N, C-alpha and C. Protein backbone atom coordinates (compact mmCIF):
# COMPACT_ATOMS: atom_id res chain seq x y z
N MET A 1 98.41 -17.84 -47.06
CA MET A 1 98.69 -17.81 -45.15
C MET A 1 97.65 -16.84 -44.31
N HIS A 2 96.94 -16.87 -45.38
CA HIS A 2 95.56 -16.22 -44.30
C HIS A 2 95.29 -17.81 -43.58
N ASP A 3 95.36 -18.52 -44.02
CA ASP A 3 93.93 -19.28 -43.39
C ASP A 3 95.49 -20.35 -42.02
N LEU A 4 95.75 -19.51 -41.80
CA LEU A 4 96.96 -20.29 -41.11
C LEU A 4 96.68 -19.85 -39.95
N THR A 5 96.80 -21.06 -38.46
CA THR A 5 96.97 -19.99 -37.38
C THR A 5 97.95 -19.20 -37.07
N GLY A 6 98.05 -18.39 -35.56
CA GLY A 6 99.10 -17.36 -35.91
C GLY A 6 100.28 -18.35 -34.89
N PHE A 7 100.09 -19.28 -34.46
CA PHE A 7 101.19 -20.73 -34.33
C PHE A 7 101.36 -20.88 -35.55
N GLN A 8 100.80 -21.50 -36.57
CA GLN A 8 101.68 -22.35 -37.23
C GLN A 8 102.49 -20.83 -38.72
N ARG A 9 101.77 -19.91 -38.57
CA ARG A 9 102.70 -18.72 -39.23
C ARG A 9 104.06 -18.51 -38.88
N ASP A 10 103.71 -18.44 -37.04
CA ASP A 10 104.99 -18.34 -36.44
C ASP A 10 105.87 -19.59 -36.64
N LEU A 11 105.61 -21.25 -36.75
CA LEU A 11 106.27 -21.93 -36.73
C LEU A 11 107.12 -21.75 -37.93
N LEU A 12 106.49 -21.33 -39.20
CA LEU A 12 106.48 -20.56 -40.24
C LEU A 12 108.05 -19.73 -40.34
N PHE A 13 107.78 -19.28 -39.60
CA PHE A 13 109.25 -18.06 -39.55
C PHE A 13 110.38 -19.22 -38.70
N VAL A 14 109.95 -19.05 -37.44
CA VAL A 14 110.97 -20.06 -37.32
C VAL A 14 112.01 -20.72 -38.01
N VAL A 15 111.21 -21.77 -38.81
CA VAL A 15 111.42 -22.60 -39.49
C VAL A 15 112.37 -21.99 -40.82
N ALA A 16 111.95 -20.93 -41.57
CA ALA A 16 112.62 -19.47 -42.16
C ALA A 16 113.70 -18.98 -41.60
N GLY A 17 113.86 -18.75 -40.35
CA GLY A 17 115.14 -18.00 -40.17
C GLY A 17 116.43 -19.03 -39.27
N LYS A 18 115.97 -20.38 -39.52
CA LYS A 18 117.09 -21.51 -39.17
C LYS A 18 117.35 -22.27 -40.04
N SER A 19 118.44 -22.96 -40.61
CA SER A 19 119.09 -24.08 -41.24
C SER A 19 118.87 -25.04 -40.84
N LYS A 20 117.69 -25.62 -41.83
CA LYS A 20 117.48 -26.89 -41.46
C LYS A 20 117.30 -27.62 -39.94
N PRO A 21 116.44 -26.76 -39.36
CA PRO A 21 115.78 -27.27 -37.71
C PRO A 21 115.67 -28.45 -37.48
N ALA A 22 115.98 -29.15 -36.45
CA ALA A 22 115.10 -30.42 -36.08
C ALA A 22 113.99 -29.83 -35.24
N GLY A 23 113.23 -30.36 -34.93
CA GLY A 23 112.15 -29.90 -34.03
C GLY A 23 112.23 -29.52 -33.25
N VAL A 24 113.27 -30.40 -32.52
CA VAL A 24 113.64 -29.93 -30.84
C VAL A 24 114.54 -28.32 -31.06
N ALA A 25 114.83 -27.83 -31.70
CA ALA A 25 115.43 -26.67 -32.09
C ALA A 25 114.15 -25.75 -32.18
N ILE A 26 113.17 -25.91 -33.24
CA ILE A 26 112.06 -25.33 -33.46
C ILE A 26 110.95 -25.17 -32.11
N LYS A 27 110.86 -26.13 -31.36
CA LYS A 27 110.24 -26.60 -29.98
C LYS A 27 110.74 -24.94 -28.91
N ASP A 28 111.93 -25.19 -29.28
CA ASP A 28 112.65 -24.36 -27.99
C ASP A 28 112.73 -22.86 -28.67
N GLU A 29 112.46 -22.34 -29.49
CA GLU A 29 112.05 -21.28 -30.18
C GLU A 29 110.98 -20.76 -29.57
N MET A 30 109.98 -21.66 -29.93
CA MET A 30 108.51 -21.31 -29.88
C MET A 30 108.57 -20.91 -28.35
N GLU A 31 109.28 -21.26 -27.71
CA GLU A 31 109.43 -21.78 -25.87
C GLU A 31 109.81 -20.39 -25.40
N GLU A 32 110.86 -19.89 -26.74
CA GLU A 32 111.24 -18.95 -26.26
C GLU A 32 110.34 -18.04 -26.15
N TYR A 33 109.95 -18.18 -27.62
CA TYR A 33 109.03 -16.87 -27.89
C TYR A 33 107.82 -16.79 -27.20
N TYR A 34 107.06 -17.71 -26.88
CA TYR A 34 105.91 -17.38 -26.07
C TYR A 34 105.81 -18.01 -24.45
N GLU A 35 106.94 -18.00 -24.24
CA GLU A 35 107.41 -17.58 -22.79
C GLU A 35 106.38 -18.95 -22.20
N LYS A 36 106.06 -20.22 -22.35
CA LYS A 36 105.55 -21.33 -22.16
C LYS A 36 106.31 -22.94 -22.74
N THR A 37 105.66 -24.02 -21.81
CA THR A 37 106.17 -24.80 -22.83
C THR A 37 105.40 -25.57 -23.66
N VAL A 38 105.87 -25.50 -24.68
CA VAL A 38 105.18 -26.55 -25.93
C VAL A 38 105.12 -27.40 -26.14
N HIS A 39 103.80 -28.07 -26.14
CA HIS A 39 104.03 -30.09 -26.48
C HIS A 39 104.16 -30.34 -27.31
N TYR A 40 104.80 -31.15 -27.88
CA TYR A 40 105.26 -32.04 -28.94
C TYR A 40 103.71 -32.07 -29.69
N GLY A 41 102.75 -32.66 -28.73
CA GLY A 41 101.75 -32.87 -29.29
C GLY A 41 100.51 -32.07 -30.21
N ARG A 42 101.20 -30.73 -29.77
CA ARG A 42 100.93 -29.38 -30.28
C ARG A 42 102.06 -28.76 -31.77
N LEU A 43 103.21 -28.84 -31.18
CA LEU A 43 103.97 -28.76 -32.50
C LEU A 43 103.91 -29.60 -33.47
N TYR A 44 104.18 -30.82 -33.85
CA TYR A 44 104.29 -32.01 -34.92
C TYR A 44 103.01 -31.81 -35.11
N PRO A 45 102.06 -32.14 -35.41
CA PRO A 45 100.79 -31.48 -36.04
C PRO A 45 100.62 -30.49 -37.28
N ASN A 46 101.19 -29.13 -36.35
CA ASN A 46 101.09 -28.25 -37.26
C ASN A 46 102.19 -27.77 -37.89
N LEU A 47 103.52 -28.63 -37.49
CA LEU A 47 104.29 -28.83 -38.66
C LEU A 47 103.88 -29.18 -39.88
N ASP A 48 102.86 -30.40 -39.84
CA ASP A 48 102.47 -31.56 -40.58
C ASP A 48 101.65 -30.71 -41.23
N THR A 49 100.87 -29.91 -41.10
CA THR A 49 99.96 -28.73 -41.50
C THR A 49 100.62 -28.33 -42.30
N LEU A 50 101.69 -27.48 -42.02
CA LEU A 50 102.95 -27.19 -42.63
C LEU A 50 102.62 -27.94 -44.25
N ILE A 51 103.45 -28.45 -43.55
CA ILE A 51 104.31 -29.26 -44.70
C ILE A 51 102.93 -29.91 -45.90
N ASP A 52 101.88 -30.43 -45.17
CA ASP A 52 100.90 -30.38 -45.99
C ASP A 52 100.12 -29.66 -47.12
N LYS A 53 100.60 -28.41 -46.87
CA LYS A 53 99.90 -27.33 -47.70
C LYS A 53 101.45 -26.62 -48.47
N GLY A 54 102.69 -27.72 -48.67
CA GLY A 54 103.47 -26.76 -49.46
C GLY A 54 104.15 -25.72 -48.77
N LEU A 55 103.82 -25.43 -47.59
CA LEU A 55 105.09 -24.50 -47.28
C LEU A 55 106.49 -24.43 -46.80
N VAL A 56 106.60 -26.15 -45.49
CA VAL A 56 107.63 -26.54 -45.28
C VAL A 56 108.14 -27.74 -45.65
N GLU A 57 109.15 -28.26 -45.90
CA GLU A 57 109.93 -29.59 -46.44
C GLU A 57 110.38 -30.52 -45.16
N LYS A 58 110.24 -32.07 -45.01
CA LYS A 58 110.61 -32.50 -44.14
C LYS A 58 111.67 -33.52 -44.39
N GLY A 59 112.72 -33.85 -43.90
CA GLY A 59 114.02 -34.59 -44.67
C GLY A 59 114.59 -35.05 -43.96
N LYS A 60 115.16 -36.25 -43.86
CA LYS A 60 116.16 -36.50 -42.59
C LYS A 60 117.79 -36.07 -42.07
N LYS A 61 117.82 -35.66 -40.60
CA LYS A 61 119.05 -34.86 -40.60
C LYS A 61 119.81 -36.22 -39.97
N ASP A 62 119.57 -37.48 -39.18
CA ASP A 62 120.28 -38.34 -39.00
C ASP A 62 119.32 -39.58 -38.92
N GLN A 63 119.28 -41.02 -38.17
CA GLN A 63 118.48 -41.71 -38.43
C GLN A 63 117.40 -41.69 -37.45
N ARG A 64 117.72 -40.84 -36.38
CA ARG A 64 116.15 -40.45 -35.11
C ARG A 64 115.82 -39.45 -35.69
N THR A 65 116.22 -38.51 -36.18
CA THR A 65 115.94 -36.88 -36.10
C THR A 65 116.04 -36.19 -37.27
N ASN A 66 114.61 -35.77 -37.56
CA ASN A 66 113.83 -34.93 -38.57
C ASN A 66 114.40 -33.39 -38.68
N ALA A 67 114.69 -33.55 -40.62
CA ALA A 67 115.29 -31.67 -40.09
C ALA A 67 113.87 -31.16 -40.80
N TYR A 68 113.37 -29.93 -41.37
CA TYR A 68 112.50 -28.86 -41.60
C TYR A 68 112.97 -27.97 -42.54
N ARG A 69 111.97 -27.65 -43.53
CA ARG A 69 113.01 -26.68 -44.57
C ARG A 69 112.07 -25.70 -45.08
N ILE A 70 112.22 -24.81 -45.31
CA ILE A 70 110.84 -23.84 -45.85
C ILE A 70 111.37 -23.63 -47.66
N THR A 71 109.96 -24.17 -47.88
CA THR A 71 109.74 -24.02 -49.54
C THR A 71 109.78 -22.92 -50.13
N ASN A 72 109.98 -22.91 -50.94
CA ASN A 72 109.90 -21.55 -52.31
C ASN A 72 108.48 -20.91 -51.91
N ARG A 73 107.84 -21.34 -52.13
CA ARG A 73 106.13 -20.93 -51.73
C ARG A 73 106.17 -20.98 -50.49
N GLY A 74 107.03 -21.50 -49.67
CA GLY A 74 107.01 -20.48 -47.66
C GLY A 74 107.23 -19.40 -47.88
N ARG A 75 108.69 -19.39 -48.76
CA ARG A 75 108.84 -17.86 -48.60
C ARG A 75 108.50 -16.73 -49.57
N ARG A 76 107.38 -17.47 -50.45
CA ARG A 76 106.61 -16.30 -50.96
C ARG A 76 105.58 -15.96 -50.10
N GLU A 77 104.96 -16.89 -49.70
CA GLU A 77 104.20 -16.54 -48.67
C GLU A 77 104.40 -15.70 -47.67
N ILE A 78 105.44 -15.88 -46.75
CA ILE A 78 105.75 -15.35 -45.82
C ILE A 78 106.39 -13.65 -46.01
N GLN A 79 106.60 -13.38 -47.90
CA GLN A 79 107.26 -12.01 -48.21
C GLN A 79 105.55 -11.50 -48.69
N ALA A 80 104.64 -12.19 -49.07
CA ALA A 80 103.23 -11.61 -48.91
C ALA A 80 102.60 -10.96 -47.58
N ARG A 81 103.18 -11.64 -47.06
CA ARG A 81 102.52 -11.30 -45.60
C ARG A 81 103.45 -9.87 -44.80
N ARG A 82 104.56 -10.28 -45.28
CA ARG A 82 105.45 -8.65 -44.86
C ARG A 82 104.48 -7.85 -45.38
N ASP A 83 104.70 -7.92 -46.80
CA ASP A 83 104.23 -6.82 -47.82
C ASP A 83 102.59 -6.30 -46.96
N TRP A 84 101.72 -7.62 -47.03
CA TRP A 84 100.87 -6.86 -46.54
C TRP A 84 100.70 -6.56 -45.43
N LYS A 85 101.44 -6.45 -44.10
CA LYS A 85 101.61 -6.02 -43.02
C LYS A 85 102.29 -4.36 -43.52
N ASN A 86 103.44 -4.22 -44.22
CA ASN A 86 103.89 -2.92 -44.50
C ASN A 86 102.80 -2.50 -45.39
N LYS A 87 101.49 -2.15 -45.59
CA LYS A 87 100.79 -1.95 -46.39
C LYS A 87 99.99 -0.88 -44.50
N TYR A 88 99.81 -1.43 -43.60
CA TYR A 88 99.11 -0.64 -42.69
C TYR A 88 99.78 0.00 -41.39
N TYR A 89 101.39 -1.16 -41.10
CA TYR A 89 102.56 -0.40 -40.15
C TYR A 89 104.16 -0.35 -40.73
N ASN A 90 104.12 0.90 -40.87
CA ASN A 90 105.34 1.30 -40.99
C ASN A 90 106.31 1.91 -40.39
């Protein structure tokens, strides 16, 4: 996870915390956290990066909507990040 941007790490945590969210649901969560608009031109390329790295999978929710799901590797990366942070911050 060390090679992800902060935005990508946040996306990974959002995907992990929801059950197969659509892009719009992820966007809404990110906007709530960042307190500003997250444009689709930023959201989807970063989700694609997580997919390319094997941390997230993309599937179909319906004919028009994709759903995202964290992979086992993504879960391991999140746990490794938590373990690393806990070394320094308890």
